[in-house]
Amino acid sequence: MREERKYATIVACFAAGLYLALIVAAFGILSLLTETDPVSDSTVGPLVGPFMVGGAVLTLLIFLIALGTRVPADKQRVSPGAALATGIACYLVYIAAGGITGAAGDPQNPFHYFLFAVSQLGSWYAITAGILAALVVLLYQLVLVGRFRQRGRPRWPWERDEDE
């Protein structure tokens, strides 16, 4: 059981790295297509965007580790509901992290950052962060299900016993 949890945690870390890379690529493409910036309000500061993405990535990592380690290997399944819930959580954390980071950096005007967070609700960037999180969770679950059903390392056809 310990080895299964270790494997699930390591794959979760790689999946979080994949999520970060996908966000960077998707935000770049969205920025080019829509001719907008991920953080359209220039008064919020340069660190709000990275904190928003970091919050979403950290949320995804926590959800992946919880999904991978709390369920025994033989009961691992692909759960679209868990993927959807994780996507919504990453979407909300992405938005909330922007408001909280901005308000912490400028405590004189916290209402401005509340409005900034509300303006992000319909942002293509926030929606993309949620969709990508759900897709990464589905891929993560597919990897775990495939690994645990296989029982061991992958084998070439000529390595398999004739009895199987």
N, C-alpha and C. Protein backbone atom coordinates (compact mmCIF):
# COMPACT_ATOMS: atom_id res chain seq x y z
N MET A 1 0.82 -1.19 0.00
CA MET A 1 0.00 0.00 0.00
C MET A 1 0.86 1.25 0.00
N ARG A 2 1.97 1.21 0.70
CA ARG A 2 2.85 2.37 0.79
C ARG A 2 3.41 2.73 -0.58
N GLU A 3 3.79 1.73 -1.35
CA GLU A 3 4.35 1.98 -2.67
C GLU A 3 3.30 2.60 -3.61
N GLU A 4 2.06 2.18 -3.48
CA GLU A 4 0.99 2.74 -4.31
C GLU A 4 0.78 4.22 -4.00
N ARG A 5 0.84 4.57 -2.74
CA ARG A 5 0.67 5.98 -2.35
C ARG A 5 1.84 6.81 -2.82
N LYS A 6 3.03 6.25 -2.71
CA LYS A 6 4.22 6.96 -3.18
C LYS A 6 4.13 7.22 -4.68
N TYR A 7 3.72 6.20 -5.42
CA TYR A 7 3.57 6.34 -6.87
C TYR A 7 2.52 7.40 -7.20
N ALA A 8 1.39 7.36 -6.51
CA ALA A 8 0.31 8.32 -6.77
C ALA A 8 0.76 9.74 -6.46
N THR A 9 1.55 9.92 -5.42
CA THR A 9 2.04 11.25 -5.05
C THR A 9 3.03 11.78 -6.09
N ILE A 10 3.92 10.92 -6.55
CA ILE A 10 4.89 11.35 -7.56
C ILE A 10 4.20 11.70 -8.86
N VAL A 11 3.24 10.89 -9.28
CA VAL A 11 2.49 11.19 -10.50
C VAL A 11 1.69 12.48 -10.32
N ALA A 12 1.18 12.73 -9.12
CA ALA A 12 0.45 13.97 -8.85
C ALA A 12 1.35 15.19 -9.02
N CYS A 13 2.59 15.08 -8.58
CA CYS A 13 3.54 16.19 -8.75
C CYS A 13 3.81 16.46 -10.23
N PHE A 14 3.99 15.40 -10.99
CA PHE A 14 4.19 15.58 -12.43
C PHE A 14 2.94 16.13 -13.10
N ALA A 15 1.77 15.71 -12.65
CA ALA A 15 0.52 16.22 -13.21
C ALA A 15 0.35 17.71 -12.90
N ALA A 16 0.77 18.12 -11.72
CA ALA A 16 0.71 19.55 -11.37
C ALA A 16 1.67 20.35 -12.26
N GLY A 17 2.84 19.78 -12.55
CA GLY A 17 3.76 20.42 -13.48
C GLY A 17 3.18 20.53 -14.87
N LEU A 18 2.49 19.48 -15.30
CA LEU A 18 1.81 19.51 -16.59
C LEU A 18 0.74 20.59 -16.60
N TYR A 19 -0.01 20.70 -15.52
CA TYR A 19 -1.06 21.72 -15.41
C TYR A 19 -0.46 23.12 -15.53
N LEU A 20 0.63 23.36 -14.84
CA LEU A 20 1.30 24.66 -14.93
C LEU A 20 1.73 24.95 -16.36
N ALA A 21 2.32 23.97 -17.02
CA ALA A 21 2.75 24.17 -18.40
C ALA A 21 1.56 24.42 -19.33
N LEU A 22 0.48 23.70 -19.12
CA LEU A 22 -0.71 23.91 -19.94
C LEU A 22 -1.31 25.29 -19.72
N ILE A 23 -1.31 25.75 -18.48
CA ILE A 23 -1.84 27.09 -18.19
C ILE A 23 -1.00 28.15 -18.89
N VAL A 24 0.31 28.04 -18.79
CA VAL A 24 1.18 29.02 -19.43
C VAL A 24 0.95 29.04 -20.94
N ALA A 25 0.89 27.86 -21.54
CA ALA A 25 0.67 27.78 -22.99
C ALA A 25 -0.72 28.30 -23.38
N ALA A 26 -1.74 27.89 -22.65
CA ALA A 26 -3.10 28.31 -22.98
C ALA A 26 -3.27 29.81 -22.78
N PHE A 27 -2.69 30.36 -21.71
CA PHE A 27 -2.81 31.79 -21.49
C PHE A 27 -2.08 32.57 -22.59
N GLY A 28 -0.96 32.06 -23.04
CA GLY A 28 -0.25 32.71 -24.15
C GLY A 28 -1.07 32.71 -25.42
N ILE A 29 -1.68 31.58 -25.73
CA ILE A 29 -2.51 31.49 -26.94
C ILE A 29 -3.74 32.38 -26.80
N LEU A 30 -4.40 32.32 -25.64
CA LEU A 30 -5.57 33.18 -25.41
C LEU A 30 -5.21 34.66 -25.52
N SER A 31 -4.07 35.01 -24.98
CA SER A 31 -3.63 36.39 -25.03
C SER A 31 -3.41 36.86 -26.47
N LEU A 32 -2.84 35.97 -27.27
CA LEU A 32 -2.64 36.32 -28.68
C LEU A 32 -3.96 36.40 -29.45
N LEU A 33 -4.85 35.47 -29.19
CA LEU A 33 -6.12 35.43 -29.93
C LEU A 33 -7.06 36.57 -29.54
N THR A 34 -7.11 36.90 -28.27
CA THR A 34 -8.06 37.91 -27.81
C THR A 34 -7.43 39.30 -27.67
N GLU A 35 -6.13 39.37 -27.82
CA GLU A 35 -5.37 40.62 -27.67
C GLU A 35 -5.65 41.27 -26.32
N THR A 36 -5.68 40.44 -25.29
CA THR A 36 -5.85 40.91 -23.91
C THR A 36 -4.73 40.32 -23.06
N ASP A 37 -4.65 40.81 -21.84
CA ASP A 37 -3.71 40.27 -20.87
C ASP A 37 -4.45 39.39 -19.87
N PRO A 38 -3.79 38.38 -19.31
CA PRO A 38 -4.46 37.55 -18.31
C PRO A 38 -4.96 38.37 -17.12
N VAL A 39 -4.20 39.38 -16.72
CA VAL A 39 -4.63 40.30 -15.67
C VAL A 39 -4.82 41.65 -16.36
N SER A 40 -6.05 41.96 -16.70
CA SER A 40 -6.32 43.15 -17.50
C SER A 40 -6.22 44.45 -16.72
N ASP A 41 -6.33 44.40 -15.41
CA ASP A 41 -6.24 45.59 -14.58
C ASP A 41 -4.78 45.84 -14.21
N SER A 42 -4.20 46.86 -14.79
CA SER A 42 -2.77 47.11 -14.56
C SER A 42 -2.48 47.68 -13.17
N THR A 43 -3.49 48.12 -12.45
CA THR A 43 -3.26 48.70 -11.13
C THR A 43 -3.11 47.65 -10.03
N VAL A 44 -3.38 46.39 -10.32
CA VAL A 44 -3.29 45.37 -9.27
C VAL A 44 -1.88 44.91 -9.00
N GLY A 45 -0.96 45.20 -9.88
CA GLY A 45 0.44 44.85 -9.63
C GLY A 45 0.89 43.62 -10.40
N PRO A 46 2.20 43.43 -10.48
CA PRO A 46 2.74 42.35 -11.30
C PRO A 46 2.70 40.96 -10.65
N LEU A 47 2.48 40.87 -9.35
CA LEU A 47 2.53 39.57 -8.68
C LEU A 47 1.17 38.89 -8.58
N VAL A 48 0.11 39.59 -8.90
CA VAL A 48 -1.22 39.01 -8.75
C VAL A 48 -1.41 37.83 -9.70
N GLY A 49 -1.01 37.96 -10.93
CA GLY A 49 -1.15 36.89 -11.92
C GLY A 49 -0.43 35.61 -11.52
N PRO A 50 0.86 35.70 -11.18
CA PRO A 50 1.55 34.49 -10.73
C PRO A 50 0.96 33.86 -9.47
N PHE A 51 0.47 34.68 -8.55
CA PHE A 51 -0.17 34.12 -7.35
C PHE A 51 -1.49 33.43 -7.69
N MET A 52 -2.21 33.95 -8.67
CA MET A 52 -3.46 33.32 -9.09
C MET A 52 -3.18 31.94 -9.68
N VAL A 53 -2.20 31.88 -10.56
CA VAL A 53 -1.84 30.59 -11.17
C VAL A 53 -1.26 29.65 -10.12
N GLY A 54 -0.42 30.17 -9.24
CA GLY A 54 0.16 29.34 -8.19
C GLY A 54 -0.90 28.76 -7.26
N GLY A 55 -1.90 29.55 -6.94
CA GLY A 55 -2.99 29.05 -6.10
C GLY A 55 -3.76 27.93 -6.77
N ALA A 56 -4.01 28.09 -8.07
CA ALA A 56 -4.73 27.04 -8.81
C ALA A 56 -3.89 25.76 -8.89
N VAL A 57 -2.60 25.90 -9.14
CA VAL A 57 -1.72 24.73 -9.23
C VAL A 57 -1.61 24.02 -7.88
N LEU A 58 -1.49 24.79 -6.81
CA LEU A 58 -1.41 24.19 -5.48
C LEU A 58 -2.72 23.48 -5.12
N THR A 59 -3.84 24.06 -5.48
CA THR A 59 -5.14 23.42 -5.24
C THR A 59 -5.23 22.11 -5.99
N LEU A 60 -4.82 22.12 -7.24
CA LEU A 60 -4.85 20.90 -8.04
C LEU A 60 -3.96 19.83 -7.42
N LEU A 61 -2.77 20.21 -7.00
CA LEU A 61 -1.84 19.24 -6.40
C LEU A 61 -2.44 18.61 -5.15
N ILE A 62 -3.06 19.40 -4.31
CA ILE A 62 -3.67 18.88 -3.09
C ILE A 62 -4.80 17.91 -3.43
N PHE A 63 -5.64 18.28 -4.40
CA PHE A 63 -6.74 17.40 -4.79
C PHE A 63 -6.21 16.11 -5.40
N LEU A 64 -5.17 16.18 -6.22
CA LEU A 64 -4.63 14.98 -6.84
C LEU A 64 -4.04 14.03 -5.81
N ILE A 65 -3.30 14.58 -4.87
CA ILE A 65 -2.71 13.72 -3.84
C ILE A 65 -3.82 13.07 -3.01
N ALA A 66 -4.85 13.84 -2.69
CA ALA A 66 -5.97 13.28 -1.93
C ALA A 66 -6.69 12.19 -2.73
N LEU A 67 -6.91 12.43 -4.01
CA LEU A 67 -7.58 11.43 -4.85
C LEU A 67 -6.75 10.17 -5.00
N GLY A 68 -5.45 10.34 -5.17
CA GLY A 68 -4.60 9.19 -5.44
C GLY A 68 -4.24 8.36 -4.23
N THR A 69 -4.19 9.00 -3.05
CA THR A 69 -3.73 8.26 -1.88
C THR A 69 -4.86 7.75 -0.99
N ARG A 70 -6.03 8.31 -1.06
CA ARG A 70 -7.09 7.86 -0.16
C ARG A 70 -7.85 6.65 -0.68
N VAL A 71 -7.77 6.40 -1.98
CA VAL A 71 -8.48 5.27 -2.57
C VAL A 71 -7.48 4.14 -2.80
N PRO A 72 -7.76 2.93 -2.33
CA PRO A 72 -6.84 1.80 -2.57
C PRO A 72 -6.66 1.56 -4.07
N ALA A 73 -5.54 0.98 -4.41
CA ALA A 73 -5.18 0.80 -5.81
C ALA A 73 -6.20 -0.02 -6.58
N ASP A 74 -6.74 -1.06 -5.98
CA ASP A 74 -7.67 -1.92 -6.70
C ASP A 74 -9.04 -1.27 -6.88
N LYS A 75 -9.28 -0.16 -6.21
CA LYS A 75 -10.57 0.52 -6.34
C LYS A 75 -10.45 1.85 -7.08
N GLN A 76 -9.28 2.12 -7.66
CA GLN A 76 -9.10 3.36 -8.43
C GLN A 76 -10.00 3.33 -9.65
N ARG A 77 -10.70 4.42 -9.88
CA ARG A 77 -11.59 4.56 -11.03
C ARG A 77 -11.44 5.96 -11.61
N VAL A 78 -11.86 6.12 -12.84
CA VAL A 78 -11.92 7.44 -13.45
C VAL A 78 -13.25 8.05 -13.05
N SER A 79 -13.18 9.18 -12.37
CA SER A 79 -14.38 9.82 -11.84
C SER A 79 -14.54 11.21 -12.45
N PRO A 80 -15.45 11.35 -13.42
CA PRO A 80 -15.69 12.68 -13.99
C PRO A 80 -16.21 13.68 -12.96
N GLY A 81 -16.93 13.20 -11.96
CA GLY A 81 -17.43 14.09 -10.91
C GLY A 81 -16.30 14.72 -10.11
N ALA A 82 -15.30 13.90 -9.77
CA ALA A 82 -14.14 14.42 -9.05
C ALA A 82 -13.36 15.40 -9.92
N ALA A 83 -13.27 15.11 -11.21
CA ALA A 83 -12.57 16.02 -12.12
C ALA A 83 -13.31 17.35 -12.22
N LEU A 84 -14.63 17.30 -12.31
CA LEU A 84 -15.42 18.52 -12.39
C LEU A 84 -15.30 19.33 -11.10
N ALA A 85 -15.37 18.65 -9.96
CA ALA A 85 -15.24 19.35 -8.67
C ALA A 85 -13.87 20.00 -8.53
N THR A 86 -12.83 19.31 -8.97
CA THR A 86 -11.49 19.88 -8.90
C THR A 86 -11.36 21.07 -9.84
N GLY A 87 -11.93 20.97 -11.03
CA GLY A 87 -11.90 22.08 -11.96
C GLY A 87 -12.60 23.31 -11.40
N ILE A 88 -13.74 23.11 -10.77
CA ILE A 88 -14.46 24.24 -10.17
C ILE A 88 -13.66 24.82 -9.01
N ALA A 89 -13.04 23.96 -8.20
CA ALA A 89 -12.23 24.45 -7.08
C ALA A 89 -11.05 25.27 -7.58
N CYS A 90 -10.37 24.80 -8.63
CA CYS A 90 -9.23 25.55 -9.18
C CYS A 90 -9.69 26.87 -9.77
N TYR A 91 -10.83 26.88 -10.42
CA TYR A 91 -11.41 28.10 -10.98
C TYR A 91 -11.66 29.12 -9.86
N LEU A 92 -12.29 28.67 -8.78
CA LEU A 92 -12.60 29.57 -7.67
C LEU A 92 -11.35 30.04 -6.94
N VAL A 93 -10.39 29.15 -6.74
CA VAL A 93 -9.15 29.54 -6.07
C VAL A 93 -8.36 30.51 -6.95
N TYR A 94 -8.36 30.29 -8.24
CA TYR A 94 -7.69 31.21 -9.17
C TYR A 94 -8.24 32.63 -8.98
N ILE A 95 -9.55 32.75 -8.91
CA ILE A 95 -10.19 34.05 -8.77
C ILE A 95 -9.93 34.63 -7.37
N ALA A 96 -10.12 33.83 -6.34
CA ALA A 96 -9.95 34.30 -4.97
C ALA A 96 -8.51 34.70 -4.69
N ALA A 97 -7.56 33.97 -5.25
CA ALA A 97 -6.15 34.29 -5.02
C ALA A 97 -5.81 35.67 -5.58
N GLY A 98 -6.43 36.04 -6.67
CA GLY A 98 -6.20 37.37 -7.23
C GLY A 98 -6.70 38.46 -6.31
N GLY A 99 -7.90 38.29 -5.80
CA GLY A 99 -8.45 39.29 -4.89
C GLY A 99 -7.69 39.38 -3.58
N ILE A 100 -7.34 38.24 -3.02
CA ILE A 100 -6.64 38.22 -1.73
C ILE A 100 -5.23 38.78 -1.86
N THR A 101 -4.53 38.38 -2.92
CA THR A 101 -3.16 38.87 -3.12
C THR A 101 -3.15 40.37 -3.34
N GLY A 102 -4.07 40.85 -4.15
CA GLY A 102 -4.13 42.29 -4.40
C GLY A 102 -4.46 43.07 -3.15
N ALA A 103 -5.42 42.58 -2.37
CA ALA A 103 -5.81 43.27 -1.14
C ALA A 103 -4.68 43.24 -0.11
N ALA A 104 -3.94 42.15 -0.06
CA ALA A 104 -2.81 42.08 0.88
C ALA A 104 -1.69 43.03 0.48
N GLY A 105 -1.51 43.22 -0.82
CA GLY A 105 -0.47 44.13 -1.29
C GLY A 105 -0.84 45.59 -1.16
N ASP A 106 -2.13 45.89 -1.16
CA ASP A 106 -2.60 47.27 -1.05
C ASP A 106 -3.77 47.32 -0.07
N PRO A 107 -3.50 47.31 1.23
CA PRO A 107 -4.59 47.24 2.20
C PRO A 107 -5.43 48.53 2.27
N GLN A 108 -5.01 49.58 1.60
CA GLN A 108 -5.76 50.83 1.62
C GLN A 108 -7.06 50.75 0.83
N ASN A 109 -7.10 49.85 -0.16
CA ASN A 109 -8.26 49.80 -1.06
C ASN A 109 -8.70 48.36 -1.32
N PRO A 110 -9.17 47.63 -0.31
CA PRO A 110 -9.52 46.22 -0.52
C PRO A 110 -10.75 46.03 -1.40
N PHE A 111 -11.65 46.99 -1.44
CA PHE A 111 -12.85 46.85 -2.26
C PHE A 111 -12.51 46.79 -3.74
N HIS A 112 -11.45 47.49 -4.14
CA HIS A 112 -11.00 47.44 -5.53
C HIS A 112 -10.63 46.02 -5.93
N TYR A 113 -10.02 45.29 -5.04
CA TYR A 113 -9.61 43.92 -5.34
C TYR A 113 -10.77 42.95 -5.29
N PHE A 114 -11.76 43.26 -4.48
CA PHE A 114 -12.99 42.48 -4.51
C PHE A 114 -13.65 42.62 -5.89
N LEU A 115 -13.70 43.84 -6.38
CA LEU A 115 -14.26 44.07 -7.72
C LEU A 115 -13.41 43.40 -8.80
N PHE A 116 -12.10 43.41 -8.60
CA PHE A 116 -11.21 42.72 -9.54
C PHE A 116 -11.52 41.23 -9.57
N ALA A 117 -11.70 40.63 -8.39
CA ALA A 117 -12.01 39.20 -8.32
C ALA A 117 -13.36 38.91 -8.97
N VAL A 118 -14.34 39.75 -8.75
CA VAL A 118 -15.66 39.56 -9.37
C VAL A 118 -15.55 39.69 -10.89
N SER A 119 -14.71 40.60 -11.35
CA SER A 119 -14.55 40.76 -12.81
C SER A 119 -13.89 39.54 -13.45
N GLN A 120 -13.18 38.75 -12.66
CA GLN A 120 -12.52 37.56 -13.19
C GLN A 120 -13.48 36.38 -13.35
N LEU A 121 -14.68 36.46 -12.79
CA LEU A 121 -15.62 35.34 -12.85
C LEU A 121 -15.92 34.90 -14.28
N GLY A 122 -16.05 35.84 -15.18
CA GLY A 122 -16.36 35.52 -16.56
C GLY A 122 -15.15 35.57 -17.48
N SER A 123 -13.98 35.68 -16.91
CA SER A 123 -12.76 35.79 -17.70
C SER A 123 -12.43 34.46 -18.39
N TRP A 124 -12.01 34.54 -19.63
CA TRP A 124 -11.62 33.34 -20.35
C TRP A 124 -10.43 32.66 -19.69
N TYR A 125 -9.59 33.45 -19.04
CA TYR A 125 -8.42 32.88 -18.38
C TYR A 125 -8.82 32.04 -17.17
N ALA A 126 -9.76 32.52 -16.37
CA ALA A 126 -10.22 31.76 -15.21
C ALA A 126 -10.96 30.49 -15.66
N ILE A 127 -11.79 30.62 -16.68
CA ILE A 127 -12.51 29.45 -17.20
C ILE A 127 -11.53 28.42 -17.74
N THR A 128 -10.50 28.88 -18.44
CA THR A 128 -9.48 27.98 -18.97
C THR A 128 -8.74 27.26 -17.85
N ALA A 129 -8.45 27.97 -16.77
CA ALA A 129 -7.77 27.35 -15.63
C ALA A 129 -8.62 26.22 -15.05
N GLY A 130 -9.92 26.41 -14.97
CA GLY A 130 -10.81 25.37 -14.45
C GLY A 130 -10.92 24.18 -15.39
N ILE A 131 -11.07 24.45 -16.68
CA ILE A 131 -11.20 23.36 -17.67
C ILE A 131 -9.93 22.53 -17.72
N LEU A 132 -8.78 23.20 -17.73
CA LEU A 132 -7.52 22.46 -17.78
C LEU A 132 -7.32 21.61 -16.52
N ALA A 133 -7.76 22.12 -15.38
CA ALA A 133 -7.65 21.34 -14.14
C ALA A 133 -8.47 20.06 -14.24
N ALA A 134 -9.68 20.18 -14.76
CA ALA A 134 -10.53 18.99 -14.90
C ALA A 134 -9.90 17.98 -15.86
N LEU A 135 -9.32 18.45 -16.95
CA LEU A 135 -8.67 17.55 -17.90
C LEU A 135 -7.46 16.85 -17.29
N VAL A 136 -6.68 17.58 -16.53
CA VAL A 136 -5.49 16.99 -15.90
C VAL A 136 -5.91 15.94 -14.86
N VAL A 137 -6.98 16.19 -14.13
CA VAL A 137 -7.46 15.20 -13.16
C VAL A 137 -7.90 13.92 -13.88
N LEU A 138 -8.59 14.07 -14.99
CA LEU A 138 -9.00 12.88 -15.76
C LEU A 138 -7.78 12.09 -16.25
N LEU A 139 -6.78 12.79 -16.75
CA LEU A 139 -5.55 12.12 -17.21
C LEU A 139 -4.83 11.44 -16.04
N TYR A 140 -4.78 12.10 -14.92
CA TYR A 140 -4.16 11.54 -13.72
C TYR A 140 -4.86 10.24 -13.31
N GLN A 141 -6.17 10.27 -13.31
CA GLN A 141 -6.92 9.08 -12.93
C GLN A 141 -6.71 7.96 -13.94
N LEU A 142 -6.63 8.30 -15.21
CA LEU A 142 -6.35 7.27 -16.23
C LEU A 142 -4.99 6.62 -16.01
N VAL A 143 -4.00 7.42 -15.67
CA VAL A 143 -2.66 6.88 -15.41
C VAL A 143 -2.69 5.95 -14.21
N LEU A 144 -3.35 6.37 -13.14
CA LEU A 144 -3.40 5.52 -11.95
C LEU A 144 -4.16 4.22 -12.20
N VAL A 145 -5.28 4.31 -12.88
CA VAL A 145 -6.07 3.10 -13.17
C VAL A 145 -5.25 2.16 -14.04
N GLY A 146 -4.59 2.68 -15.05
CA GLY A 146 -3.79 1.84 -15.93
C GLY A 146 -2.62 1.20 -15.22
N ARG A 147 -1.97 1.93 -14.37
CA ARG A 147 -0.80 1.41 -13.64
C ARG A 147 -1.23 0.33 -12.64
N PHE A 148 -2.26 0.59 -11.89
CA PHE A 148 -2.64 -0.34 -10.84
C PHE A 148 -3.30 -1.60 -11.38
N ARG A 149 -3.94 -1.51 -12.51
CA ARG A 149 -4.52 -2.72 -13.10
C ARG A 149 -3.43 -3.58 -13.73
N GLN A 150 -2.36 -2.97 -14.14
CA GLN A 150 -1.30 -3.69 -14.83
C GLN A 150 -0.46 -4.53 -13.87
N ARG A 151 -0.31 -4.08 -12.64
CA ARG A 151 0.46 -4.79 -11.63
C ARG A 151 1.92 -4.95 -12.03
N GLY A 152 2.65 -3.90 -11.93
CA GLY A 152 4.08 -3.99 -12.20
C GLY A 152 4.48 -3.18 -13.43
N ARG A 153 5.68 -3.41 -13.85
CA ARG A 153 6.20 -2.64 -14.98
C ARG A 153 5.58 -3.11 -16.29
N PRO A 154 5.57 -2.27 -17.29
CA PRO A 154 5.05 -2.70 -18.59
C PRO A 154 5.93 -3.80 -19.17
N ARG A 155 5.33 -4.71 -19.87
CA ARG A 155 6.08 -5.82 -20.48
C ARG A 155 5.81 -5.86 -21.97
N TRP A 156 6.84 -6.22 -22.70
CA TRP A 156 6.71 -6.44 -24.13
C TRP A 156 5.98 -7.77 -24.35
N PRO A 157 5.38 -7.94 -25.52
CA PRO A 157 4.65 -9.19 -25.76
C PRO A 157 5.51 -10.44 -25.58
N TRP A 158 6.77 -10.40 -25.94
CA TRP A 158 7.61 -11.59 -25.83
C TRP A 158 8.07 -11.84 -24.39
N GLU A 159 7.86 -10.89 -23.48
CA GLU A 159 8.24 -11.08 -22.08
C GLU A 159 7.14 -11.77 -21.28
N ARG A 160 5.97 -11.83 -21.79
CA ARG A 160 4.83 -12.38 -21.04
C ARG A 160 4.88 -13.91 -21.03
N ASP A 161 4.40 -14.44 -19.94
CA ASP A 161 4.33 -15.89 -19.83
C ASP A 161 3.22 -16.41 -20.73
N GLU A 162 3.39 -17.60 -21.21
CA GLU A 162 2.37 -18.21 -22.06
C GLU A 162 1.13 -18.58 -21.26
N ASP A 163 1.26 -18.73 -19.95
CA ASP A 163 0.15 -19.12 -19.10
C ASP A 163 -0.88 -18.02 -18.91
N GLU A 164 -0.49 -16.77 -19.11
CA GLU A 164 -1.40 -15.64 -18.86
C GLU A 164 -2.43 -15.59 -19.88
